[in-house]
């Protein structure tokens, strides 16, 4: 059996060496070098987070209540608010629906405390337009760039994930609004009207609609494609499948709750955790890590843990540290809440 120290790359001895060459390949969810062009039904970052070609969305098997609430949201064209502890599978749900129903890349809108509604709808690059106008002003009067800079406002507008999800389409897009509970107090209320009406205006285009050919302007969507916006307004024809996730760190206003289908995910059981590990690390890792999964579940009854920690522990103890395995796993799986 190897000694625990044999897996160490940095040895803390102060002596330069070429140990970095011994570093094994990264975990699939941290493999930035191999991310290539997005697949037709996914994107590189999501594939990396969800386990690459062993896409966790393909292996996700929802419970009966979860299945009913997902379908209720699809039938009623209502957002699905999914709450639960970190690693319960809230984000996976959106990717699973998109994969099974062939709804394309999941549009992901990660929320932080500074996020505003406008961040999700669109971005207007006024500075770039001003710079183009100034450059054109210093060019010859006949330079066609001057007319473009002055009139083609649409080329300076890019729709965000929410704005792209609301574009007219035959099939609904899937939008993941991730960790809404991290937003400031205003965002949940600001979302109400857009999610209820399924449309929004772009004032920069509405002001010049009468000067646009057929009232249409071309803008970029969140995928980088040129799309047409008519009359300065984006209006959906198929309401997107919207998944709002929350770790339960705050309560949401009643008007938002009233407009959503609410699904509470419980703690994952052994089978779901094994599927999670299998999707990221393969069948062998799921078998060899069975004892760590059981230990993780036992600890999670009284401690707040995240499944990312379990993945880290199984990957590292399998790849690098067969000796002292349990001790190293406990170092990696530290409780996220304060001890009572």
Protein backbone atom coordinates (compact mmCIF):
# COMPACT_ATOMS: atom_id res chain seq x y z
CA UNK A 1 0.00 0.00 0.00
CA UNK A 2 1.37 3.47 -0.85
CA UNK A 3 2.29 5.93 1.84
CA UNK A 4 0.04 8.98 2.19
CA UNK A 5 2.90 11.31 1.27
CA UNK A 6 3.50 9.70 -2.14
CA UNK A 7 0.58 11.51 -3.76
CA UNK A 8 1.79 14.99 -2.71
CA UNK A 9 2.84 17.25 -5.60
CA UNK A 10 3.80 20.22 -3.46
CA UNK A 11 6.00 18.81 -0.68
CA UNK A 12 6.77 21.94 1.34
CA UNK A 13 10.50 21.19 1.39
CA UNK A 14 11.64 24.39 -0.33
CA UNK A 15 13.44 22.43 -3.05
CA UNK A 16 12.39 23.11 -6.70
CA UNK A 17 11.41 19.98 -8.62
CA UNK A 18 9.36 18.82 -11.63
CA UNK A 19 6.57 17.23 -9.62
CA UNK A 20 3.93 19.21 -11.50
CA UNK A 21 4.46 16.76 -14.39
CA UNK A 22 3.03 14.02 -12.17
CA UNK A 23 -0.26 15.82 -11.65
CA UNK A 24 -3.06 13.56 -12.95
CA UNK A 25 -5.81 14.81 -15.28
CA UNK A 26 -8.33 17.14 -13.62
CA UNK A 27 -11.79 16.06 -12.49
CA UNK A 28 -14.23 16.23 -15.42
CA UNK A 29 -16.06 19.20 -13.91
CA UNK A 30 -12.79 21.16 -13.66
CA UNK A 31 -11.40 20.22 -17.08
CA UNK A 32 -11.13 23.58 -18.83
CA UNK A 33 -8.70 22.42 -21.53
CA UNK A 34 -11.05 19.91 -23.14
CA UNK A 35 -14.10 22.13 -23.39
CA UNK A 36 -14.82 22.49 -27.07
CA UNK A 37 -17.65 23.83 -29.17
CA UNK A 38 -21.03 23.54 -27.51
CA UNK A 39 -23.07 20.48 -28.40
CA UNK A 40 -26.42 21.15 -30.10
CA UNK A 41 -28.29 20.39 -26.87
CA UNK A 42 -25.84 21.85 -24.38
CA UNK A 43 -23.02 24.25 -23.68
CA UNK A 44 -19.43 23.67 -22.73
CA UNK A 45 -19.63 25.08 -19.22
CA UNK A 46 -22.75 23.09 -18.39
CA UNK A 47 -21.21 19.89 -19.78
CA UNK A 48 -18.14 20.50 -17.63
CA UNK A 49 -20.20 21.08 -14.49
CA UNK A 50 -22.48 18.13 -15.16
CA UNK A 51 -19.89 15.56 -16.11
CA UNK A 52 -19.16 15.96 -19.82
CA UNK A 53 -20.37 13.17 -22.08
CA UNK A 54 -21.74 11.27 -19.10
CA UNK A 55 -24.26 14.03 -18.79
CA UNK A 56 -26.07 13.85 -15.47
CA UNK A 57 -29.23 15.04 -17.21
CA UNK A 58 -29.41 11.71 -19.03
CA UNK A 59 -29.24 9.76 -15.78
CA UNK A 60 -31.55 11.97 -13.72
CA UNK A 61 -34.62 10.06 -12.53
CA UNK A 62 -37.09 12.32 -10.72
CA UNK A 63 -39.39 11.10 -7.98
CA UNK A 64 -43.16 11.00 -8.42
CA UNK A 65 -43.85 14.39 -6.82
CA UNK A 66 -40.99 16.03 -8.70
CA UNK A 67 -42.31 14.60 -11.95
CA UNK A 68 -45.82 15.92 -11.30
CA UNK A 69 -44.67 19.44 -10.41
CA UNK A 70 -42.44 19.66 -13.51
CA UNK A 71 -45.34 18.67 -15.73
CA UNK A 72 -47.68 21.04 -13.90
CA UNK A 73 -45.30 23.92 -14.73
CA UNK A 74 -45.14 22.79 -18.37
CA UNK A 75 -48.93 22.52 -18.69
CA UNK A 76 -49.72 25.78 -16.87
CA UNK A 77 -46.87 27.79 -18.44
CA UNK A 78 -45.78 28.84 -14.97
CA UNK A 79 -42.26 29.22 -13.55
CA UNK A 80 -41.08 26.34 -11.36
CA UNK A 81 -39.55 27.46 -8.06
CA UNK A 82 -37.29 24.67 -6.79
CA UNK A 83 -36.00 24.88 -3.22
CA UNK A 84 -33.68 22.54 -1.36
CA UNK A 85 -30.23 22.14 0.13
CA UNK A 86 -27.08 22.58 -1.97
CA UNK A 87 -26.56 19.55 -4.20
CA UNK A 88 -30.17 18.34 -4.04
CA UNK A 89 -30.38 18.42 -7.85
CA UNK A 90 -32.18 21.73 -8.38
CA UNK A 91 -30.12 22.87 -11.38
CA UNK A 92 -29.96 19.37 -12.83
CA UNK A 93 -33.73 19.43 -13.24
CA UNK A 94 -33.60 22.18 -15.89
CA UNK A 95 -30.93 20.33 -17.90
CA UNK A 96 -32.87 17.08 -17.65
CA UNK A 97 -36.04 18.64 -19.06
CA UNK A 98 -34.14 20.38 -21.87
CA UNK A 99 -32.34 17.14 -22.77
CA UNK A 100 -35.40 14.88 -22.79
CA UNK A 101 -37.69 17.32 -24.63
CA UNK A 102 -35.08 18.54 -27.12
CA UNK A 103 -35.40 22.19 -26.09
CA UNK A 104 -31.82 23.21 -26.83
CA UNK A 105 -29.20 24.81 -24.64
CA UNK A 106 -30.28 25.78 -21.14
CA UNK A 107 -30.11 29.55 -20.75
CA UNK A 108 -28.48 30.09 -17.36
CA UNK A 109 -28.82 33.30 -15.34
CA UNK A 110 -26.72 33.06 -12.14
CA UNK A 111 -27.92 35.51 -9.48
CA UNK A 112 -25.71 37.51 -7.12
CA UNK A 113 -26.53 40.30 -4.69
CA UNK A 114 -25.93 43.01 -7.32
CA UNK A 115 -28.04 41.40 -10.07
CA UNK A 116 -30.83 43.53 -11.50
CA UNK A 117 -33.74 42.69 -13.79
CA UNK A 118 -32.04 44.56 -16.65
CA UNK A 119 -29.05 42.18 -16.41
CA UNK A 120 -31.32 39.32 -17.38
CA UNK A 121 -33.21 41.22 -20.10
CA UNK A 122 -30.58 42.98 -22.20
CA UNK A 123 -27.43 45.09 -22.23
CA UNK A 124 -27.07 48.28 -24.26
CA UNK A 125 -23.44 49.25 -24.89
CA UNK A 126 -23.87 53.02 -25.01
CA UNK A 127 -20.13 53.62 -24.59
CA UNK A 128 -19.24 51.56 -27.68
CA UNK A 129 -21.85 53.40 -29.71
CA UNK A 130 -20.53 56.79 -28.58
CA UNK A 131 -17.00 55.75 -29.50
CA UNK A 132 -18.15 54.68 -32.97
CA UNK A 133 -19.93 58.00 -33.46
CA UNK A 134 -16.78 59.89 -32.50
CA UNK A 135 -14.63 57.80 -34.84
CA UNK A 136 -17.09 58.34 -37.68
CA UNK A 137 -17.11 62.09 -37.04
CA UNK A 138 -13.39 62.20 -37.73
CA UNK A 139 -13.77 60.27 -40.99
CA UNK A 140 -14.73 61.54 -44.39
CA UNK A 141 -18.30 62.77 -44.70
CA UNK A 142 -19.04 59.99 -47.16
CA UNK A 143 -17.87 57.25 -44.79
CA UNK A 144 -20.82 54.81 -44.47
CA UNK A 145 -19.67 53.96 -40.97
CA UNK A 146 -21.03 57.26 -39.78
CA UNK A 147 -24.56 56.35 -40.77
CA UNK A 148 -24.23 52.95 -39.15
CA UNK A 149 -22.98 54.36 -35.87
CA UNK A 150 -25.79 56.88 -35.74
CA UNK A 151 -28.70 54.68 -36.83
CA UNK A 152 -27.94 51.00 -36.15
CA UNK A 153 -28.71 51.00 -32.44
CA UNK A 154 -29.55 47.29 -32.52
CA UNK A 155 -25.94 46.33 -33.12
CA UNK A 156 -25.12 47.66 -29.64
CA UNK A 157 -27.80 45.60 -27.87
CA UNK A 158 -27.38 42.05 -26.60
CA UNK A 159 -30.20 40.16 -24.96
CA UNK A 160 -29.57 38.45 -21.64
CA UNK A 161 -30.73 34.92 -20.69
CA UNK A 162 -34.22 36.05 -19.68
CA UNK A 163 -34.56 38.29 -22.75
CA UNK A 164 -33.48 35.44 -25.04
CA UNK A 165 -35.91 33.01 -23.39
CA UNK A 166 -38.77 35.39 -24.23
CA UNK A 167 -38.00 35.61 -27.96
CA UNK A 168 -40.77 34.28 -30.23
CA UNK A 169 -40.29 30.57 -30.95
CA UNK A 170 -42.26 27.46 -31.83
CA UNK A 171 -40.90 25.61 -28.82
CA UNK A 172 -40.22 26.99 -25.35
CA UNK A 173 -36.64 27.65 -24.30
CA UNK A 174 -35.41 26.46 -20.90
CA UNK A 175 -34.23 29.20 -18.53
CA UNK A 176 -32.42 28.48 -15.27
CA UNK A 177 -32.50 31.41 -12.83
CA UNK A 178 -29.97 30.04 -10.38
CA UNK A 179 -29.92 30.88 -6.65
CA UNK A 180 -32.57 33.57 -6.63
CA UNK A 181 -32.30 33.74 -2.84
CA UNK A 182 -28.92 35.47 -3.24
CA UNK A 183 -30.53 38.50 -4.93
CA UNK A 184 -31.27 41.82 -3.25
CA UNK A 185 -34.75 42.42 -1.90
CA UNK A 186 -36.11 44.02 -5.10
CA UNK A 187 -35.35 41.44 -7.81
CA UNK A 188 -38.09 38.87 -6.98
CA UNK A 189 -40.71 41.66 -7.18
CA UNK A 190 -39.14 43.11 -10.33
CA UNK A 191 -39.50 39.75 -12.06
CA UNK A 192 -43.25 39.59 -11.50
CA UNK A 193 -44.48 41.61 -14.46
CA UNK A 194 -42.09 40.11 -17.01
CA UNK A 195 -42.90 36.54 -15.97
CA UNK A 196 -46.62 37.29 -15.93
CA UNK A 197 -46.82 39.12 -19.28
CA UNK A 198 -44.09 37.24 -21.15
CA UNK A 199 -42.80 40.41 -22.78
CA UNK A 200 -40.71 43.52 -22.21
CA UNK A 201 -39.71 46.67 -24.05
CA UNK A 202 -36.29 47.97 -25.05
CA UNK A 203 -36.57 51.78 -24.74
CA UNK A 204 -33.51 52.40 -26.94
CA UNK A 205 -35.38 50.71 -29.80
CA UNK A 206 -38.90 51.87 -28.97
CA UNK A 207 -37.80 55.51 -29.37
CA UNK A 208 -36.66 54.97 -32.95
CA UNK A 209 -39.18 52.39 -34.18
CA UNK A 210 -40.56 54.76 -36.82
CA UNK A 211 -37.07 55.10 -38.33
CA UNK A 212 -36.39 51.35 -38.58
CA UNK A 213 -37.10 49.36 -41.75
CA UNK A 214 -40.48 47.69 -41.13
CA UNK A 215 -40.06 48.71 -37.49
CA UNK A 216 -37.50 45.95 -36.98
CA UNK A 217 -33.99 46.00 -35.53
CA UNK A 218 -31.41 43.25 -35.38
CA UNK A 219 -29.87 42.51 -31.99
CA UNK A 220 -27.75 39.67 -30.59
CA UNK A 221 -29.30 37.02 -28.37
CA UNK A 222 -27.56 35.26 -25.48
CA UNK A 223 -26.21 32.64 -27.90
CA UNK A 224 -24.57 35.33 -30.06
CA UNK A 225 -27.04 34.95 -32.93
CA UNK A 226 -28.65 37.89 -34.73
CA UNK A 227 -32.38 38.07 -34.08
CA UNK A 228 -35.08 40.54 -35.09
CA UNK A 229 -36.98 42.67 -32.60
CA UNK A 230 -40.10 44.36 -33.91
CA UNK A 231 -41.48 47.59 -32.47
CA UNK A 232 -38.82 47.66 -29.79
CA UNK A 233 -40.53 44.87 -27.84
CA UNK A 234 -39.66 41.23 -27.19
CA UNK A 235 -42.82 39.11 -26.93
CA UNK A 236 -42.79 35.35 -26.44
CA UNK A 237 -45.10 33.06 -28.37
CA UNK A 238 -44.19 29.99 -26.28
CA UNK A 239 -43.67 30.75 -22.60
CA UNK A 240 -40.26 29.40 -21.58
CA UNK A 241 -39.81 26.62 -19.04
CA UNK A 242 -38.39 28.72 -16.22
CA UNK A 243 -36.67 27.07 -13.25
CA UNK A 244 -35.90 29.35 -10.31
CA UNK A 245 -33.68 27.71 -7.69
CA UNK A 246 -33.22 28.63 -4.05
CA UNK A 247 -31.15 27.17 -1.23
CA UNK A 248 -33.78 28.39 1.22
CA UNK A 249 -31.72 31.26 2.60
CA UNK A 250 -34.71 33.63 2.47
CA UNK A 251 -38.46 33.78 1.94
CA UNK A 252 -39.96 35.19 -1.24
CA UNK A 253 -42.87 37.62 -1.52
CA UNK A 254 -46.35 36.12 -1.77
CA UNK A 255 -47.03 37.58 -5.27
CA UNK A 256 -44.04 35.66 -6.65
CA UNK A 257 -45.02 32.45 -4.87
CA UNK A 258 -48.54 32.80 -6.25
CA UNK A 259 -47.22 32.91 -9.81
CA UNK A 260 -44.93 29.89 -9.41
CA UNK A 261 -45.28 26.15 -9.05
CA UNK A 262 -43.31 25.34 -5.90
CA UNK A 263 -41.26 22.14 -5.60
CA UNK A 264 -39.34 21.36 -2.40
CA UNK A 265 -36.56 18.81 -2.94
CA UNK A 266 -35.60 16.74 0.07
CA UNK A 267 -32.16 15.43 0.87
CA UNK A 268 -30.91 13.05 -1.84
CA UNK A 269 -30.95 9.36 -0.95
CA UNK A 270 -28.20 6.82 -1.55
CA UNK A 271 -29.42 5.92 -5.03
CA UNK A 272 -29.53 9.54 -6.21
CA UNK A 273 -26.08 10.27 -4.82
CA UNK A 274 -24.68 7.15 -6.50
CA UNK A 275 -26.21 8.29 -9.80
CA UNK A 276 -24.67 11.74 -9.27
CA UNK A 277 -21.21 10.22 -8.69
CA UNK A 278 -21.63 7.82 -11.63
CA UNK A 279 -22.52 10.65 -14.00
CA UNK A 280 -19.40 12.60 -13.08
CA UNK A 281 -16.81 9.92 -12.37
CA UNK A 282 -18.07 6.67 -13.88
CA UNK A 283 -19.34 3.33 -12.60
CA UNK A 284 -16.09 2.25 -10.94
CA UNK A 285 -15.88 5.42 -8.84
CA UNK A 286 -19.51 5.00 -7.77
CA UNK A 287 -18.76 1.44 -6.60
CA UNK A 288 -15.49 2.27 -4.85
CA UNK A 289 -17.03 5.34 -3.24
CA UNK A 290 -20.08 3.53 -1.89
CA UNK A 291 -18.80 3.68 1.69
CA UNK A 292 -18.09 7.42 1.39
CA UNK A 293 -21.62 7.96 0.04
CA UNK A 294 -23.08 6.14 3.05
CA UNK A 295 -20.89 8.14 5.44
CA UNK A 296 -21.86 11.38 3.69
CA UNK A 297 -25.56 10.55 4.06
CA UNK A 298 -25.15 9.74 7.74
CA UNK A 299 -23.38 13.03 8.43
CA UNK A 300 -25.88 15.02 6.37
CA UNK A 301 -28.63 14.11 8.86
CA UNK A 302 -27.14 16.56 11.35
CA UNK A 303 -24.76 18.68 9.24
CA UNK A 304 -25.17 20.91 6.19
CA UNK A 305 -23.05 19.35 3.44
CA UNK A 306 -22.85 19.77 -0.35
CA UNK A 307 -22.58 16.99 -2.92
CA UNK A 308 -19.67 18.84 -4.54
CA UNK A 309 -17.70 17.93 -1.42
CA UNK A 310 -18.55 14.27 -1.88
CA UNK A 311 -17.36 14.35 -5.50
CA UNK A 312 -14.09 16.00 -4.45
CA UNK A 313 -13.52 13.36 -1.77
CA UNK A 314 -14.23 10.36 -4.01
CA UNK A 315 -12.14 11.70 -6.89
CA UNK A 316 -9.12 12.61 -4.77
CA UNK A 317 -9.09 9.52 -2.57
CA UNK A 318 -9.41 7.28 -5.64
CA UNK A 319 -6.85 9.15 -7.75
CA UNK A 320 -4.20 10.05 -5.25
CA UNK A 321 -4.48 8.88 -1.67
CA UNK A 322 -5.47 5.24 -1.13
CA UNK A 323 -3.88 5.33 2.34
CA UNK A 324 -5.50 7.56 4.93
CA UNK A 325 -8.59 7.64 2.72
CA UNK A 326 -11.21 8.22 5.40
CA UNK A 327 -9.17 10.91 7.12
CA UNK A 328 -8.65 12.84 3.87
CA UNK A 329 -12.34 12.49 2.95
CA UNK A 330 -13.36 14.00 6.29
CA UNK A 331 -10.97 16.90 5.71
CA UNK A 332 -12.64 17.61 2.35
CA UNK A 333 -16.23 17.14 3.55
CA UNK A 334 -16.52 19.86 6.15
CA UNK A 335 -19.87 21.05 7.42
CA UNK A 336 -21.13 24.28 5.84
CA UNK A 337 -23.19 25.37 8.83
CA UNK A 338 -21.99 26.32 12.27
CA UNK A 339 -21.88 23.54 14.87
CA UNK A 340 -24.80 23.70 17.25
